[in-house]
Every structure is written in C-alpha cells, then in structure tokens.
Amino acid sequence: MAQSTELKIGDLITAYDAGIWRVIEIKKRFFETEADIPSLLKDTKKVGDEYNSLVFYEKVCDAKGNQPHKRIIKQCDSSYCRPAEEYIKEQEEILNKFKNIIKNERNKK
C-alpha cells in the first residue's frame, strides 16, 4: 500500500472504498497522548510522532467504470490507498490468467 508521503492532491487511487478515487486532501496525524500509541509501537514511538495520514478523496468511477451522478467524498487511513495504475495492472494480470485458463480448457476439447 502507498504511504501518504507518496500521495499528493490530484492523484488517482484505489482506497478502502471500491472504485477509482481522486485525492482532494491529506491530513497529517500525530500521536497526541500516550493512549494514542498502539501497544506494539510503545517502544519505538512517542507523543508527537507522525503516523499514517488521513486521506480524503472523491469518486471518479465505481468498480465497473461508471461515473457518479453526484459528488461523493470519503476518507480513510493512507495505508489503504495505492495508485490506481497499480490496481489496474494487477487486475489486467488476473484477467489474462482467466483468459489463459479458458483458452487452455477449450483446447482440451
């Protein structure tokens, strides 16, 4: 997954919510109290340290490529975000595997 330092306003991404999204805002986050720091990170993090940014994004299209009729804005932790190009490449590879399986199955007949 992409880290917030790699993301910038205007980037097309996939995120926690299905579809393709455009980054519209990135809010840095910092541990404000000891209670904010997860127990697994207590030895390496301290109050004031930065952690994953909060990414705000607007829908470009749904998972089937349909564009929305109205503006839809969502947000999630940056750890769920990655460039849309990576997702598309991964989906193309999966589709090609399916095509090869179908082709091989047809050749068995």
N, C-alpha and C. Protein backbone atom coordinates (compact mmCIF):
# COMPACT_ATOMS: atom_id res chain seq x y z
N MET A 1 0.83 -1.18 0.00
CA MET A 1 0.00 0.00 0.00
C MET A 1 0.88 1.24 0.00
N ALA A 2 0.37 2.29 -0.60
CA ALA A 2 1.11 3.54 -0.67
C ALA A 2 1.10 4.24 0.68
N GLN A 3 2.16 4.91 0.98
CA GLN A 3 2.20 5.73 2.17
C GLN A 3 1.82 7.15 1.79
N SER A 4 1.32 7.93 2.75
CA SER A 4 0.83 9.26 2.46
C SER A 4 1.91 10.17 1.88
N THR A 5 3.18 9.94 2.20
CA THR A 5 4.24 10.78 1.66
C THR A 5 4.36 10.60 0.15
N GLU A 6 3.88 9.48 -0.38
CA GLU A 6 3.91 9.24 -1.82
C GLU A 6 2.68 9.84 -2.50
N LEU A 7 1.61 10.04 -1.78
CA LEU A 7 0.38 10.56 -2.34
C LEU A 7 0.41 12.08 -2.40
N LYS A 8 -0.28 12.62 -3.42
CA LYS A 8 -0.42 14.07 -3.47
C LYS A 8 -1.81 14.41 -4.00
N ILE A 9 -2.24 15.63 -3.77
CA ILE A 9 -3.54 16.09 -4.22
C ILE A 9 -3.64 15.87 -5.74
N GLY A 10 -4.76 15.31 -6.18
CA GLY A 10 -4.99 15.07 -7.59
C GLY A 10 -4.67 13.66 -8.05
N ASP A 11 -3.92 12.91 -7.24
CA ASP A 11 -3.59 11.53 -7.61
C ASP A 11 -4.86 10.69 -7.73
N LEU A 12 -4.86 9.76 -8.69
CA LEU A 12 -5.94 8.77 -8.80
C LEU A 12 -5.51 7.55 -8.02
N ILE A 13 -6.39 7.07 -7.15
CA ILE A 13 -6.06 5.97 -6.24
C ILE A 13 -7.19 4.96 -6.16
N THR A 14 -6.86 3.79 -5.60
CA THR A 14 -7.86 2.90 -5.05
C THR A 14 -7.70 3.05 -3.54
N ALA A 15 -8.78 2.81 -2.83
CA ALA A 15 -8.76 3.05 -1.39
C ALA A 15 -9.62 2.00 -0.69
N TYR A 16 -9.97 2.28 0.54
CA TYR A 16 -10.80 1.36 1.32
C TYR A 16 -12.13 1.10 0.61
N ASP A 17 -12.69 2.14 -0.01
CA ASP A 17 -13.95 2.03 -0.74
C ASP A 17 -13.67 1.64 -2.19
N ALA A 18 -14.51 0.78 -2.76
CA ALA A 18 -14.31 0.28 -4.13
C ALA A 18 -14.38 1.40 -5.16
N GLY A 19 -13.64 1.24 -6.23
CA GLY A 19 -13.66 2.19 -7.33
C GLY A 19 -12.36 2.94 -7.45
N ILE A 20 -12.37 3.94 -8.34
CA ILE A 20 -11.23 4.82 -8.54
C ILE A 20 -11.58 6.17 -7.94
N TRP A 21 -10.64 6.75 -7.22
CA TRP A 21 -10.87 7.98 -6.48
C TRP A 21 -9.76 9.00 -6.77
N ARG A 22 -10.07 10.29 -6.59
CA ARG A 22 -9.09 11.36 -6.73
C ARG A 22 -8.82 11.96 -5.35
N VAL A 23 -7.55 12.04 -4.98
CA VAL A 23 -7.17 12.61 -3.69
C VAL A 23 -7.47 14.11 -3.70
N ILE A 24 -8.21 14.58 -2.69
CA ILE A 24 -8.53 16.01 -2.60
C ILE A 24 -7.94 16.68 -1.37
N GLU A 25 -7.53 15.87 -0.38
CA GLU A 25 -6.92 16.45 0.83
C GLU A 25 -6.16 15.35 1.57
N ILE A 26 -5.06 15.75 2.18
CA ILE A 26 -4.28 14.82 3.01
C ILE A 26 -4.00 15.53 4.33
N LYS A 27 -4.45 14.92 5.42
CA LYS A 27 -4.23 15.50 6.75
C LYS A 27 -3.20 14.66 7.51
N LYS A 28 -2.12 15.30 7.88
CA LYS A 28 -1.12 14.60 8.69
C LYS A 28 -1.70 14.36 10.08
N ARG A 29 -1.28 13.25 10.67
CA ARG A 29 -1.74 12.91 12.02
C ARG A 29 -0.54 12.62 12.91
N PHE A 30 -0.70 12.96 14.18
CA PHE A 30 0.37 12.79 15.16
C PHE A 30 -0.20 12.16 16.43
N PHE A 31 0.61 11.37 17.10
CA PHE A 31 0.20 10.82 18.39
C PHE A 31 0.14 11.98 19.38
N GLU A 32 -1.06 12.22 19.94
CA GLU A 32 -1.24 13.36 20.84
C GLU A 32 -1.07 12.98 22.31
N THR A 33 -1.35 11.72 22.64
CA THR A 33 -1.20 11.26 24.02
C THR A 33 -0.59 9.86 24.00
N GLU A 34 -0.11 9.41 25.14
CA GLU A 34 0.41 8.05 25.26
C GLU A 34 -0.65 7.02 24.89
N ALA A 35 -1.91 7.31 25.22
CA ALA A 35 -3.01 6.38 24.94
C ALA A 35 -3.25 6.20 23.44
N ASP A 36 -2.83 7.17 22.63
CA ASP A 36 -2.99 7.08 21.18
C ASP A 36 -2.03 6.09 20.54
N ILE A 37 -0.94 5.78 21.21
CA ILE A 37 0.10 4.93 20.65
C ILE A 37 -0.26 3.46 20.87
N PRO A 38 -0.40 2.68 19.79
CA PRO A 38 -0.71 1.25 19.95
C PRO A 38 0.37 0.56 20.77
N SER A 39 -0.02 -0.43 21.55
CA SER A 39 0.92 -1.10 22.46
C SER A 39 2.12 -1.68 21.73
N LEU A 40 1.93 -2.16 20.49
CA LEU A 40 3.04 -2.73 19.73
C LEU A 40 4.08 -1.68 19.33
N LEU A 41 3.71 -0.41 19.38
CA LEU A 41 4.63 0.66 18.97
C LEU A 41 5.18 1.47 20.13
N LYS A 42 4.79 1.13 21.35
CA LYS A 42 5.20 1.91 22.53
C LYS A 42 6.72 2.06 22.65
N ASP A 43 7.48 1.05 22.21
CA ASP A 43 8.94 1.11 22.32
C ASP A 43 9.59 1.98 21.26
N THR A 44 8.90 2.22 20.15
CA THR A 44 9.52 2.95 19.04
C THR A 44 8.88 4.31 18.76
N LYS A 45 7.70 4.56 19.30
CA LYS A 45 7.00 5.83 19.03
C LYS A 45 6.78 6.60 20.32
N LYS A 46 6.67 7.92 20.16
CA LYS A 46 6.40 8.77 21.33
C LYS A 46 5.37 9.83 20.96
N VAL A 47 4.83 10.49 21.96
CA VAL A 47 3.88 11.57 21.73
C VAL A 47 4.53 12.60 20.81
N GLY A 48 3.78 13.02 19.80
CA GLY A 48 4.30 14.00 18.84
C GLY A 48 4.78 13.37 17.55
N ASP A 49 5.02 12.05 17.54
CA ASP A 49 5.45 11.38 16.32
C ASP A 49 4.30 11.30 15.33
N GLU A 50 4.64 11.42 14.05
CA GLU A 50 3.64 11.32 12.99
C GLU A 50 3.31 9.86 12.71
N TYR A 51 2.06 9.61 12.34
CA TYR A 51 1.66 8.28 11.86
C TYR A 51 0.83 8.45 10.59
N ASN A 52 0.27 7.40 10.06
CA ASN A 52 -0.42 7.43 8.76
C ASN A 52 -1.38 8.62 8.65
N SER A 53 -1.29 9.29 7.52
CA SER A 53 -2.17 10.43 7.26
C SER A 53 -3.59 9.95 7.00
N LEU A 54 -4.52 10.89 7.11
CA LEU A 54 -5.91 10.65 6.75
C LEU A 54 -6.09 11.24 5.36
N VAL A 55 -6.56 10.41 4.42
CA VAL A 55 -6.70 10.82 3.03
C VAL A 55 -8.18 11.02 2.70
N PHE A 56 -8.50 12.18 2.14
CA PHE A 56 -9.86 12.49 1.69
C PHE A 56 -9.85 12.38 0.17
N TYR A 57 -10.89 11.75 -0.38
CA TYR A 57 -10.92 11.52 -1.82
C TYR A 57 -12.34 11.59 -2.35
N GLU A 58 -12.44 11.92 -3.67
CA GLU A 58 -13.75 11.98 -4.33
C GLU A 58 -13.81 10.91 -5.40
N LYS A 59 -15.00 10.37 -5.59
CA LYS A 59 -15.18 9.26 -6.53
C LYS A 59 -15.04 9.74 -7.97
N VAL A 60 -14.23 9.00 -8.72
CA VAL A 60 -14.08 9.22 -10.17
C VAL A 60 -14.98 8.23 -10.90
N CYS A 61 -14.93 6.96 -10.46
CA CYS A 61 -15.82 5.94 -11.03
C CYS A 61 -15.92 4.77 -10.06
N ASP A 62 -16.98 3.97 -10.23
CA ASP A 62 -17.13 2.79 -9.38
C ASP A 62 -16.30 1.64 -9.94
N ALA A 63 -16.40 0.49 -9.33
CA ALA A 63 -15.57 -0.66 -9.71
C ALA A 63 -15.87 -1.17 -11.12
N LYS A 64 -17.01 -0.77 -11.69
CA LYS A 64 -17.37 -1.18 -13.05
C LYS A 64 -17.11 -0.06 -14.07
N GLY A 65 -16.53 1.05 -13.61
CA GLY A 65 -16.20 2.16 -14.51
C GLY A 65 -17.30 3.19 -14.67
N ASN A 66 -18.38 3.06 -13.93
CA ASN A 66 -19.49 4.03 -14.01
C ASN A 66 -19.16 5.28 -13.21
N GLN A 67 -19.35 6.45 -13.83
CA GLN A 67 -19.09 7.71 -13.13
C GLN A 67 -20.29 8.08 -12.26
N PRO A 68 -20.03 8.69 -11.12
CA PRO A 68 -21.13 9.04 -10.21
C PRO A 68 -21.97 10.20 -10.76
N HIS A 69 -23.23 10.27 -10.35
CA HIS A 69 -24.13 11.35 -10.77
C HIS A 69 -24.00 12.56 -9.85
N LYS A 70 -23.41 12.35 -8.69
CA LYS A 70 -23.19 13.45 -7.76
C LYS A 70 -21.81 13.27 -7.12
N ARG A 71 -21.33 14.31 -6.50
CA ARG A 71 -20.00 14.27 -5.87
C ARG A 71 -20.07 13.42 -4.61
N ILE A 72 -19.16 12.44 -4.54
CA ILE A 72 -19.08 11.56 -3.38
C ILE A 72 -17.68 11.71 -2.79
N ILE A 73 -17.62 12.08 -1.52
CA ILE A 73 -16.34 12.27 -0.84
C ILE A 73 -16.27 11.30 0.33
N LYS A 74 -15.13 10.63 0.45
CA LYS A 74 -14.90 9.70 1.56
C LYS A 74 -13.50 9.94 2.10
N GLN A 75 -13.14 9.18 3.13
CA GLN A 75 -11.81 9.28 3.72
C GLN A 75 -11.40 7.95 4.30
N CYS A 76 -10.08 7.74 4.39
CA CYS A 76 -9.56 6.56 5.05
C CYS A 76 -8.10 6.78 5.41
N ASP A 77 -7.57 5.87 6.20
CA ASP A 77 -6.15 5.86 6.55
C ASP A 77 -5.34 5.64 5.28
N SER A 78 -4.21 6.33 5.17
CA SER A 78 -3.40 6.25 3.95
C SER A 78 -2.89 4.84 3.67
N SER A 79 -2.84 3.99 4.67
CA SER A 79 -2.35 2.62 4.45
C SER A 79 -3.27 1.83 3.51
N TYR A 80 -4.51 2.29 3.33
CA TYR A 80 -5.46 1.61 2.43
C TYR A 80 -5.38 2.14 1.00
N CYS A 81 -4.58 3.16 0.76
CA CYS A 81 -4.53 3.82 -0.54
C CYS A 81 -3.33 3.36 -1.36
N ARG A 82 -3.55 3.24 -2.67
CA ARG A 82 -2.44 2.97 -3.58
C ARG A 82 -2.79 3.54 -4.95
N PRO A 83 -1.79 3.82 -5.76
CA PRO A 83 -2.06 4.40 -7.08
C PRO A 83 -2.98 3.51 -7.91
N ALA A 84 -3.92 4.13 -8.60
CA ALA A 84 -4.88 3.38 -9.42
C ALA A 84 -4.17 2.55 -10.48
N GLU A 85 -3.05 3.05 -11.00
CA GLU A 85 -2.32 2.32 -12.05
C GLU A 85 -1.87 0.95 -11.54
N GLU A 86 -1.44 0.87 -10.28
CA GLU A 86 -1.03 -0.42 -9.71
C GLU A 86 -2.21 -1.38 -9.68
N TYR A 87 -3.36 -0.89 -9.25
CA TYR A 87 -4.56 -1.72 -9.18
C TYR A 87 -4.96 -2.21 -10.57
N ILE A 88 -4.95 -1.31 -11.55
CA ILE A 88 -5.34 -1.68 -12.91
C ILE A 88 -4.40 -2.72 -13.47
N LYS A 89 -3.10 -2.55 -13.26
CA LYS A 89 -2.11 -3.53 -13.74
C LYS A 89 -2.38 -4.90 -13.10
N GLU A 90 -2.64 -4.91 -11.81
CA GLU A 90 -2.93 -6.17 -11.11
C GLU A 90 -4.18 -6.83 -11.68
N GLN A 91 -5.22 -6.04 -11.93
CA GLN A 91 -6.46 -6.60 -12.47
C GLN A 91 -6.27 -7.12 -13.89
N GLU A 92 -5.43 -6.45 -14.69
CA GLU A 92 -5.13 -6.93 -16.04
C GLU A 92 -4.42 -8.27 -15.99
N GLU A 93 -3.50 -8.43 -15.04
CA GLU A 93 -2.78 -9.71 -14.90
C GLU A 93 -3.75 -10.82 -14.52
N ILE A 94 -4.68 -10.55 -13.63
CA ILE A 94 -5.69 -11.54 -13.24
C ILE A 94 -6.57 -11.89 -14.43
N LEU A 95 -7.01 -10.88 -15.17
CA LEU A 95 -7.84 -11.12 -16.35
C LEU A 95 -7.10 -11.97 -17.38
N ASN A 96 -5.82 -11.71 -17.59
CA ASN A 96 -5.03 -12.52 -18.52
C ASN A 96 -4.91 -13.96 -18.06
N LYS A 97 -4.79 -14.19 -16.76
CA LYS A 97 -4.77 -15.56 -16.24
C LYS A 97 -6.08 -16.27 -16.56
N PHE A 98 -7.20 -15.57 -16.34
CA PHE A 98 -8.50 -16.15 -16.66
C PHE A 98 -8.61 -16.48 -18.14
N LYS A 99 -8.16 -15.57 -18.99
CA LYS A 99 -8.21 -15.80 -20.44
C LYS A 99 -7.39 -17.04 -20.81
N ASN A 100 -6.20 -17.19 -20.21
CA ASN A 100 -5.36 -18.36 -20.50
C ASN A 100 -6.01 -19.65 -20.02
N ILE A 101 -6.64 -19.61 -18.87
CA ILE A 101 -7.34 -20.80 -18.36
C ILE A 101 -8.46 -21.20 -19.32
N ILE A 102 -9.24 -20.23 -19.75
CA ILE A 102 -10.34 -20.52 -20.67
C ILE A 102 -9.80 -21.06 -21.99
N LYS A 103 -8.75 -20.44 -22.50
CA LYS A 103 -8.14 -20.89 -23.75
C LYS A 103 -7.65 -22.34 -23.61
N ASN A 104 -6.96 -22.65 -22.51
CA ASN A 104 -6.44 -24.00 -22.28
C ASN A 104 -7.56 -25.01 -22.13
N GLU A 105 -8.63 -24.63 -21.47
CA GLU A 105 -9.78 -25.52 -21.30
C GLU A 105 -10.44 -25.82 -22.64
N ARG A 106 -10.54 -24.81 -23.48
CA ARG A 106 -11.14 -25.02 -24.82
C ARG A 106 -10.26 -25.95 -25.66
N ASN A 107 -8.95 -25.83 -25.52
CA ASN A 107 -8.03 -26.68 -26.29
C ASN A 107 -8.07 -28.14 -25.84
N LYS A 108 -8.55 -28.41 -24.65
CA LYS A 108 -8.65 -29.79 -24.15
C LYS A 108 -9.79 -30.55 -24.82
N LYS A 109 -10.75 -29.83 -25.41
CA LYS A 109 -11.92 -30.49 -26.00
C LYS A 109 -11.61 -31.09 -27.34
